Amino acid sequence: MSKKRYRIIDEVDTKPEPDDLPPFSGMVAEALNPQFAKIGGSVGRADELEYLHEAKTFVKTGIHAFDEILSGGDGLPCGRFVEIFSPESVGKSALCEFLIGRFKSIRGTNHYIDTEQTIDYEHLKCYGVGKGDFLLPDLPDLEAVWDYVVGVVKTLEKRNEERAKRRLSPEPPNLIVLDSLAATAARAEMNEKEHDDSHVGEQARANSKGVRKTLRAFSASDVVFLCVNQLRDKIGAQGYGPKTDTPGGRALKYAYSIRLKLAKIETLKKGDIPIGHIIEVTTVKNKHAPMGQKCQIVLSYLRGIDVNWSNFLWFQKHRYITPKGSAGYCFKGSTVTFKRSQFAQFVDDHKELVVAAVEACTKKDRETFSTEVADSGSEEVDDG
């Protein structure tokens, strides 16, 4: 057999040759850092540099099941792109308005880009948000939206530098809502002279460029970019697989850390009158928790997203709330009975008990999911 003229490395040599040279990784950093420092870059080990892609701030939504599927119970991650999509009249805008209320409660700044003109001020009042509590940018096209996002991130960066000099804590997180991406036209489309002018792919190109310009700086910021999107039928879709898709190109699908699909699964009625419906939220994509998880959120047509009712259903699912006949319901670990409408008062009066129940339910869901994944992975494949 002829001698091979190349190296094959199968495992690490346990007895390396004596080498007095410094580690090669250090030589690379030392040689290249001066060059890249001129253009704002740097080279170093992961433990030496701040990891931009790791979310450092999370905002609790107050809906325990929603927090769980978003990030294992921590809430909505900041410095991330998030998409909400569904058919019409499911509750996309209502969920955005609810999240605006949550960010306002932590003194964060809200930005609502309402290209669909669907904002509901009455629902916002239910969350303690008035017209003077958020910014309402009037932007002409999609390119202007991306310019606005970049401007917010840069302004927040300068603000935090000023606060750091004064030894103050960073500015609270910002929420930018685009409602909706599908209804926001590209600049070329807005400037067309004839209605039948073709601008295929302009929206996708604008999004692709916007993602490239903002993603790096955005990941290090405390800003959430929440994009509402619509559904479109796939042309020529046949056989298996989804028959619908979201417009805007594929670049954003890669950039989104979380993609949430909403579906209306049950109408809530008082007698024969509809008073709301239950929204099923599914994580189609998630980089902060296992994807494919689901939760239920109650949308009241009068009050918007109902946090207490949503949490009530979650505790019922975990059998922490059980019916007690005409007396109402009873919470596990307590002898106090209450009606569903009194659940909010029960939570205020028994905070420690409820917090412990939330931790137990979240832990149980994680263990159940891990067991299901392990069982599915251990199944033997029958080759026939």
Protein backbone atom coordinates (compact mmCIF):
# COMPACT_ATOMS: atom_id res chain seq x y z
CA MET A 1 0.00 0.00 0.00
CA SER A 2 1.40 3.38 -0.99
CA LYS A 3 2.02 5.99 1.67
CA LYS A 4 -0.75 8.62 1.91
CA ARG A 5 0.29 12.17 1.15
CA TYR A 6 -2.24 13.81 3.45
CA ARG A 7 -3.12 13.91 7.16
CA ILE A 8 -6.12 12.18 8.74
CA ILE A 9 -7.01 13.37 12.24
CA ASP A 10 -9.42 11.15 14.12
CA GLU A 11 -8.86 12.10 17.76
CA VAL A 12 -6.84 14.50 19.87
CA ASP A 13 -3.27 13.48 20.62
CA THR A 14 -3.06 12.97 24.39
CA LYS A 15 0.67 13.67 24.33
CA PRO A 16 1.24 16.77 22.21
CA GLU A 17 4.71 17.84 21.22
CA PRO A 18 6.40 20.47 23.40
CA ASP A 19 5.35 23.88 22.14
CA ASP A 20 6.52 27.15 23.68
CA LEU A 21 4.53 29.27 21.24
CA PRO A 22 1.44 31.19 22.46
CA PRO A 23 -2.02 29.84 21.48
CA PHE A 24 -2.77 30.43 17.82
CA SER A 25 -6.15 32.01 18.66
CA GLY A 26 -4.32 34.71 20.61
CA MET A 27 -1.99 35.36 17.68
CA VAL A 28 -4.99 35.76 15.35
CA ALA A 29 -6.63 38.29 17.68
CA GLU A 30 -3.38 40.22 18.16
CA ALA A 31 -2.67 40.35 14.43
CA LEU A 32 -6.15 41.30 13.21
CA ASN A 33 -7.59 43.51 15.97
CA PRO A 34 -5.70 46.68 14.88
CA GLN A 35 -7.03 46.25 11.34
CA PHE A 36 -10.67 45.67 12.30
CA ALA A 37 -10.68 48.28 15.07
CA LYS A 38 -10.53 50.98 12.36
CA ILE A 39 -13.93 49.88 11.00
CA GLY A 40 -15.60 49.15 14.34
CA GLY A 41 -14.88 45.41 14.46
CA SER A 42 -13.02 43.21 16.93
CA VAL A 43 -11.64 39.70 17.33
CA GLY A 44 -11.66 37.76 20.59
CA ARG A 45 -12.87 34.67 22.38
CA ALA A 46 -16.53 34.36 23.27
CA ASP A 47 -15.72 34.68 26.99
CA GLU A 48 -13.80 37.93 26.34
CA LEU A 49 -16.45 39.68 24.26
CA GLU A 50 -20.04 40.60 25.04
CA TYR A 51 -22.27 38.06 23.31
CA LEU A 52 -24.70 40.20 21.32
CA HIS A 53 -27.13 37.44 20.48
CA GLU A 54 -27.98 36.58 24.08
CA ALA A 55 -31.13 38.33 25.29
CA LYS A 56 -30.38 40.22 28.49
CA THR A 57 -33.81 41.68 29.24
CA PHE A 58 -37.22 40.01 29.33
CA VAL A 59 -40.60 41.64 29.92
CA LYS A 60 -43.26 39.60 31.68
CA THR A 61 -46.65 39.74 29.97
CA GLY A 62 -48.60 38.69 33.07
CA ILE A 63 -50.22 35.79 31.20
CA HIS A 64 -48.40 32.79 32.66
CA ALA A 65 -49.07 30.41 29.77
CA PHE A 66 -47.93 33.04 27.26
CA ASP A 67 -44.72 33.76 29.19
CA GLU A 68 -44.04 30.04 29.30
CA ILE A 69 -44.22 29.41 25.56
CA LEU A 70 -42.27 32.61 24.80
CA SER A 71 -39.20 31.90 26.93
CA GLY A 72 -39.90 29.24 29.52
CA GLY A 73 -41.63 31.68 31.86
CA ASP A 74 -39.37 34.74 31.58
CA GLY A 75 -41.59 36.70 29.19
CA LEU A 76 -40.94 38.60 25.95
CA PRO A 77 -37.21 38.85 25.07
CA CYS A 78 -35.85 42.29 24.17
CA GLY A 79 -33.50 42.98 21.29
CA ARG A 80 -35.52 40.65 19.09
CA PHE A 81 -37.78 40.63 16.04
CA VAL A 82 -41.15 38.99 16.77
CA GLU A 83 -43.94 38.20 14.30
CA ILE A 84 -47.66 37.70 14.96
CA PHE A 85 -49.77 36.37 12.10
CA SER A 86 -53.24 34.89 11.66
CA PRO A 87 -56.40 35.16 9.56
CA GLU A 88 -58.50 38.30 9.97
CA SER A 89 -60.40 39.15 13.18
CA VAL A 90 -58.53 36.74 15.45
CA GLY A 91 -56.87 39.26 17.78
CA LYS A 92 -53.48 40.34 16.40
CA SER A 93 -53.98 44.05 17.01
CA ALA A 94 -55.64 43.37 20.36
CA LEU A 95 -52.59 41.40 21.52
CA CYS A 96 -50.30 44.24 20.41
CA GLU A 97 -52.39 46.78 22.32
CA PHE A 98 -52.18 44.57 25.40
CA LEU A 99 -48.38 44.41 25.12
CA ILE A 100 -48.27 48.20 24.79
CA GLY A 101 -50.02 48.31 28.15
CA ARG A 102 -47.44 45.97 29.67
CA PHE A 103 -44.51 48.07 28.43
CA LYS A 104 -46.21 51.22 29.67
CA SER A 105 -46.55 49.64 33.13
CA ILE A 106 -42.75 49.25 33.31
CA ARG A 107 -42.29 52.86 32.05
CA GLY A 108 -41.07 51.71 28.66
CA THR A 109 -41.59 53.77 25.50
CA ASN A 110 -44.11 52.48 22.96
CA HIS A 111 -44.12 53.18 19.22
CA TYR A 112 -47.23 52.17 17.24
CA ILE A 113 -46.84 52.28 13.44
CA ASP A 114 -50.50 51.88 12.49
CA THR A 115 -50.59 51.50 8.70
CA GLU A 116 -53.88 49.58 8.92
CA GLN A 117 -55.53 52.36 10.97
CA THR A 118 -57.04 49.79 13.34
CA ILE A 119 -55.86 51.03 16.73
CA ASP A 120 -58.53 50.72 19.43
CA TYR A 121 -58.20 53.52 22.00
CA GLU A 122 -60.97 52.03 24.15
CA HIS A 123 -59.02 48.80 24.62
CA LEU A 124 -55.87 50.81 25.35
CA LYS A 125 -57.75 52.65 28.11
CA CYS A 126 -58.45 49.27 29.72
CA TYR A 127 -54.67 48.78 30.01
CA GLY A 128 -54.12 52.28 31.42
CA VAL A 129 -52.77 53.70 28.15
CA GLY A 130 -53.90 57.13 26.97
CA LYS A 131 -53.26 58.89 23.67
CA GLY A 132 -50.33 60.75 25.19
CA ASP A 133 -48.61 57.61 26.45
CA PHE A 134 -47.14 56.36 23.16
CA LEU A 135 -45.68 57.59 19.90
CA LEU A 136 -47.75 57.23 16.73
CA PRO A 137 -45.34 57.64 13.77
CA ASP A 138 -47.00 58.48 10.44
CA LEU A 139 -44.58 56.86 8.00
CA PRO A 140 -45.16 56.82 4.22
CA ASP A 141 -43.51 53.54 3.25
CA LEU A 142 -41.60 50.45 4.36
CA GLU A 143 -38.17 52.02 3.90
CA ALA A 144 -39.20 54.80 6.29
CA VAL A 145 -40.23 52.16 8.85
CA TRP A 146 -36.74 50.65 8.81
CA ASP A 147 -35.16 54.11 9.06
CA TYR A 148 -37.36 54.75 12.09
CA VAL A 149 -36.30 51.48 13.75
CA VAL A 150 -32.61 52.31 13.20
CA GLY A 151 -33.20 55.81 14.60
CA VAL A 152 -34.87 54.48 17.76
CA VAL A 153 -32.03 52.01 18.41
CA LYS A 154 -29.33 54.67 17.94
CA THR A 155 -31.18 57.21 20.09
CA LEU A 156 -31.65 54.62 22.85
CA GLU A 157 -27.93 53.80 22.69
CA LYS A 158 -27.00 57.47 23.18
CA ARG A 159 -29.53 57.81 25.98
CA ASN A 160 -28.07 54.84 27.85
CA GLU A 161 -24.55 56.25 27.44
CA GLU A 162 -25.72 59.48 29.10
CA ARG A 163 -27.43 57.54 31.89
CA ALA A 164 -24.30 55.42 32.43
CA LYS A 165 -22.19 58.58 32.88
CA ARG A 166 -24.61 59.67 35.61
CA ARG A 167 -24.53 56.17 37.12
CA LEU A 168 -28.20 55.61 36.39
CA SER A 169 -29.82 52.35 35.35
CA PRO A 170 -30.48 51.83 31.62
CA GLU A 171 -33.60 53.22 29.96
CA PRO A 172 -36.61 50.84 30.21
CA PRO A 173 -37.25 48.66 27.14
CA ASN A 174 -38.96 50.02 24.02
CA LEU A 175 -41.69 48.31 22.01
CA ILE A 176 -42.10 49.09 18.30
CA VAL A 177 -45.30 47.70 16.78
CA LEU A 178 -45.78 47.57 13.01
CA ASP A 179 -49.45 46.89 12.26
CA SER A 180 -49.16 45.51 9.72
CA LEU A 181 -46.23 44.50 7.56
CA ALA A 182 -48.51 43.31 4.76
CA ALA A 183 -50.28 46.69 4.61
CA THR A 184 -47.06 48.72 4.46
CA ALA A 185 -46.10 49.43 0.85
CA ALA A 186 -42.56 49.77 -0.47
CA ARG A 187 -41.39 53.19 -1.67
CA ALA A 188 -41.40 52.19 -5.34
CA GLU A 189 -45.02 51.09 -5.04
CA MET A 190 -46.07 54.32 -3.35
CA ASN A 191 -44.41 56.37 -6.11
CA GLU A 192 -45.97 54.48 -9.01
CA LYS A 193 -47.80 56.59 -11.59
CA GLU A 194 -50.28 53.99 -12.76
CA HIS A 195 -52.27 51.61 -10.58
CA ASP A 196 -51.33 48.59 -12.69
CA ASP A 197 -47.54 49.21 -12.52
CA SER A 198 -45.74 46.05 -11.41
CA HIS A 199 -43.37 46.10 -8.42
CA VAL A 200 -42.77 42.42 -7.76
CA GLY A 201 -40.44 41.78 -4.83
CA GLU A 202 -40.02 45.43 -3.77
CA GLN A 203 -41.36 44.76 -0.28
CA ALA A 204 -39.09 41.72 0.13
CA ARG A 205 -36.06 43.71 -1.04
CA ALA A 206 -36.79 46.52 1.41
CA ASN A 207 -37.13 44.05 4.29
CA SER A 208 -33.96 42.20 3.33
CA LYS A 209 -31.96 45.42 3.30
CA GLY A 210 -33.56 46.61 6.53
CA VAL A 211 -32.68 43.39 8.34
CA ARG A 212 -29.04 43.56 7.23
CA LYS A 213 -28.73 47.17 8.41
CA THR A 214 -30.37 46.76 11.82
CA LEU A 215 -29.90 43.20 13.08
CA ARG A 216 -26.47 43.59 14.69
CA ALA A 217 -27.21 46.81 16.58
CA PHE A 218 -30.75 45.68 17.36
CA SER A 219 -29.65 42.48 19.10
CA ALA A 220 -27.67 44.51 21.66
CA SER A 221 -30.57 46.89 22.40
CA ASP A 222 -33.57 46.71 24.71
CA VAL A 223 -36.04 47.15 21.86
CA VAL A 224 -38.68 44.69 20.69
CA PHE A 225 -39.80 44.99 17.06
CA LEU A 226 -43.24 43.38 16.89
CA CYS A 227 -44.48 42.83 13.34
CA VAL A 228 -48.12 42.01 12.71
CA ASN A 229 -48.59 40.11 9.46
CA GLN A 230 -51.45 38.75 7.39
CA LEU A 231 -51.89 35.49 5.52
CA ARG A 232 -51.89 34.98 1.77
CA ASP A 233 -52.88 31.89 -0.22
CA LYS A 234 -49.99 30.14 -1.89
CA ILE A 235 -50.44 30.14 -5.65
CA GLY A 236 -50.63 26.61 -7.02
CA ALA A 237 -50.29 24.95 -3.60
CA GLN A 238 -51.41 21.32 -3.81
CA GLY A 239 -51.09 18.17 -1.75
CA TYR A 240 -49.49 18.27 1.68
CA GLY A 241 -48.06 21.26 3.48
CA PRO A 242 -49.43 24.71 4.34
CA LYS A 243 -51.67 26.40 1.78
CA THR A 244 -50.97 29.90 3.12
CA ASP A 245 -47.90 32.06 3.70
CA THR A 246 -47.01 35.47 5.12
CA PRO A 247 -45.96 38.27 2.71
CA GLY A 248 -42.79 40.31 3.00
CA GLY A 249 -40.13 37.92 1.74
CA ARG A 250 -37.98 35.34 3.49
CA ALA A 251 -35.34 37.56 5.08
CA LEU A 252 -37.56 38.47 8.02
CA LYS A 253 -38.47 34.83 8.61
CA TYR A 254 -34.80 34.17 9.29
CA ALA A 255 -34.46 37.30 11.44
CA TYR A 256 -37.48 36.62 13.66
CA SER A 257 -36.54 35.08 16.99
CA ILE A 258 -40.18 34.23 17.66
CA ARG A 259 -43.07 33.68 15.24
CA LEU A 260 -46.54 33.41 16.77
CA LYS A 261 -49.51 31.98 14.91
CA LEU A 262 -52.94 32.90 16.29
CA ALA A 263 -56.16 30.96 15.78
CA LYS A 264 -59.70 31.48 17.05
CA ILE A 265 -60.79 28.20 18.65
CA GLU A 266 -63.90 29.02 20.71
CA THR A 267 -66.49 31.80 20.91
CA LEU A 268 -67.45 32.90 24.41
CA LYS A 269 -71.12 33.77 24.89
CA LYS A 270 -73.36 35.21 27.56
CA GLY A 271 -76.64 33.61 26.66
CA ASP A 272 -76.82 33.96 22.89
CA ILE A 273 -74.64 37.07 22.74
CA PRO A 274 -70.92 36.66 21.85
CA ILE A 275 -68.76 38.47 24.41
CA GLY A 276 -65.33 37.29 23.28
CA HIS A 277 -63.35 34.34 22.05
CA ILE A 278 -60.38 32.18 22.99
CA ILE A 279 -57.18 32.64 20.99
CA GLU A 280 -54.81 29.72 20.60
CA VAL A 281 -51.21 30.93 20.27
CA THR A 282 -48.67 28.58 18.68
CA THR A 283 -44.92 29.24 18.51
CA VAL A 284 -44.09 28.40 14.89
CA LYS A 285 -40.48 29.49 15.53
CA ASN A 286 -38.74 30.17 18.82
CA LYS A 287 -35.08 30.62 19.73
CA HIS A 288 -35.76 31.05 23.46
CA ALA A 289 -37.95 28.03 24.24
CA PRO A 290 -38.98 24.81 22.49
CA MET A 291 -41.04 25.65 19.41
CA GLY A 292 -44.44 24.15 18.72
CA GLN A 293 -45.86 24.97 22.15
CA LYS A 294 -49.39 26.34 22.52
CA CYS A 295 -51.32 28.45 24.98
CA GLN A 296 -54.78 29.97 25.24
CA ILE A 297 -55.54 33.67 25.69
CA VAL A 298 -59.01 35.14 26.27
CA LEU A 299 -60.05 38.15 24.18
CA SER A 300 -63.00 40.09 25.58
CA TYR A 301 -64.78 42.25 23.02
CA LEU A 302 -65.38 44.83 25.76
CA ARG A 303 -62.09 44.82 27.72
CA GLY A 304 -59.54 43.46 25.25
CA ILE A 305 -57.10 40.75 26.38
CA ASP A 306 -58.33 39.37 29.71
CA VAL A 307 -55.29 38.42 31.81
CA ASN A 308 -57.18 36.98 34.76
CA TRP A 309 -59.49 34.83 32.65
CA SER A 310 -56.50 33.54 30.65
CA ASN A 311 -54.63 32.63 33.84
CA PHE A 312 -57.79 31.07 35.25
CA LEU A 313 -57.97 28.68 32.27
CA TRP A 314 -54.27 27.82 32.65
CA PHE A 315 -54.67 26.90 36.31
CA GLN A 316 -57.76 24.89 35.43
CA LYS A 317 -55.74 22.95 32.86
CA HIS A 318 -53.20 22.07 35.56
CA ARG A 319 -55.99 21.20 38.02
CA TYR A 320 -54.97 23.90 40.46
CA ILE A 321 -58.49 25.30 40.14
CA THR A 322 -61.33 22.86 40.63
CA PRO A 323 -65.12 23.43 40.68
CA LYS A 324 -66.95 23.38 44.01
CA GLY A 325 -70.57 23.31 42.88
CA SER A 326 -72.66 26.39 43.54
CA ALA A 327 -69.90 27.84 45.76
CA GLY A 328 -67.75 28.46 42.70
CA TYR A 329 -64.15 27.28 42.54
CA CYS A 330 -61.34 26.35 44.90
CA PHE A 331 -57.59 26.83 44.45
CA LYS A 332 -55.24 23.99 45.35
CA GLY A 333 -53.72 24.62 48.78
CA SER A 334 -56.54 26.93 49.91
CA THR A 335 -60.00 26.37 51.36
CA VAL A 336 -61.33 29.72 50.10
CA THR A 337 -63.99 29.45 47.39
CA PHE A 338 -64.54 32.12 44.75
CA LYS A 339 -66.40 32.85 41.54
CA ARG A 340 -64.47 33.23 38.30
CA SER A 341 -65.09 36.98 38.36
CA GLN A 342 -63.48 37.06 41.84
CA PHE A 343 -60.26 35.33 40.73
CA ALA A 344 -58.30 38.60 40.47
CA GLN A 345 -59.12 39.41 44.10
CA PHE A 346 -58.11 35.89 45.15
CA VAL A 347 -54.72 36.34 43.43
CA ASP A 348 -54.15 39.65 45.26
CA ASP A 349 -55.01 38.05 48.60
CA HIS A 350 -52.90 34.90 48.09
CA LYS A 351 -49.86 36.07 46.12
CA GLU A 352 -47.35 33.63 47.63
CA LEU A 353 -49.62 30.65 46.97
CA VAL A 354 -50.21 31.69 43.35
CA VAL A 355 -46.50 32.37 42.68
CA ALA A 356 -45.61 28.91 43.98
CA ALA A 357 -48.33 27.40 41.78
CA VAL A 358 -46.98 29.21 38.69
CA GLU A 359 -43.48 27.83 39.33
CA ALA A 360 -44.84 24.32 39.86
CA CYS A 361 -46.96 24.40 36.70
CA THR A 362 -44.11 25.77 34.59
CA LYS A 363 -41.73 23.11 35.92
CA LYS A 364 -44.29 20.39 35.23
CA ASP A 365 -44.81 21.59 31.65
CA ARG A 366 -41.05 21.56 31.03
CA GLU A 367 -40.71 18.03 32.37
CA THR A 368 -43.69 16.83 30.34
CA PHE A 369 -42.29 18.35 27.15
CA SER A 370 -38.83 16.85 27.79
CA THR A 371 -40.37 13.43 28.39
CA GLU A 372 -42.43 13.61 25.19
CA VAL A 373 -39.36 14.60 23.16
CA ALA A 374 -37.29 11.82 24.71
CA ASP A 375 -40.01 9.25 24.04
CA SER A 376 -40.41 10.33 20.43
CA GLY A 377 -36.65 10.23 19.91
CA SER A 378 -36.32 6.73 21.35
CA GLU A 379 -38.94 5.19 19.09
CA GLU A 380 -37.44 2.62 16.75
CA VAL A 381 -37.97 3.17 13.06
CA ASP A 382 -39.42 0.16 11.28
CA ASP A 383 -37.77 -0.16 7.89
CA GLY A 384 -40.28 -2.81 6.85
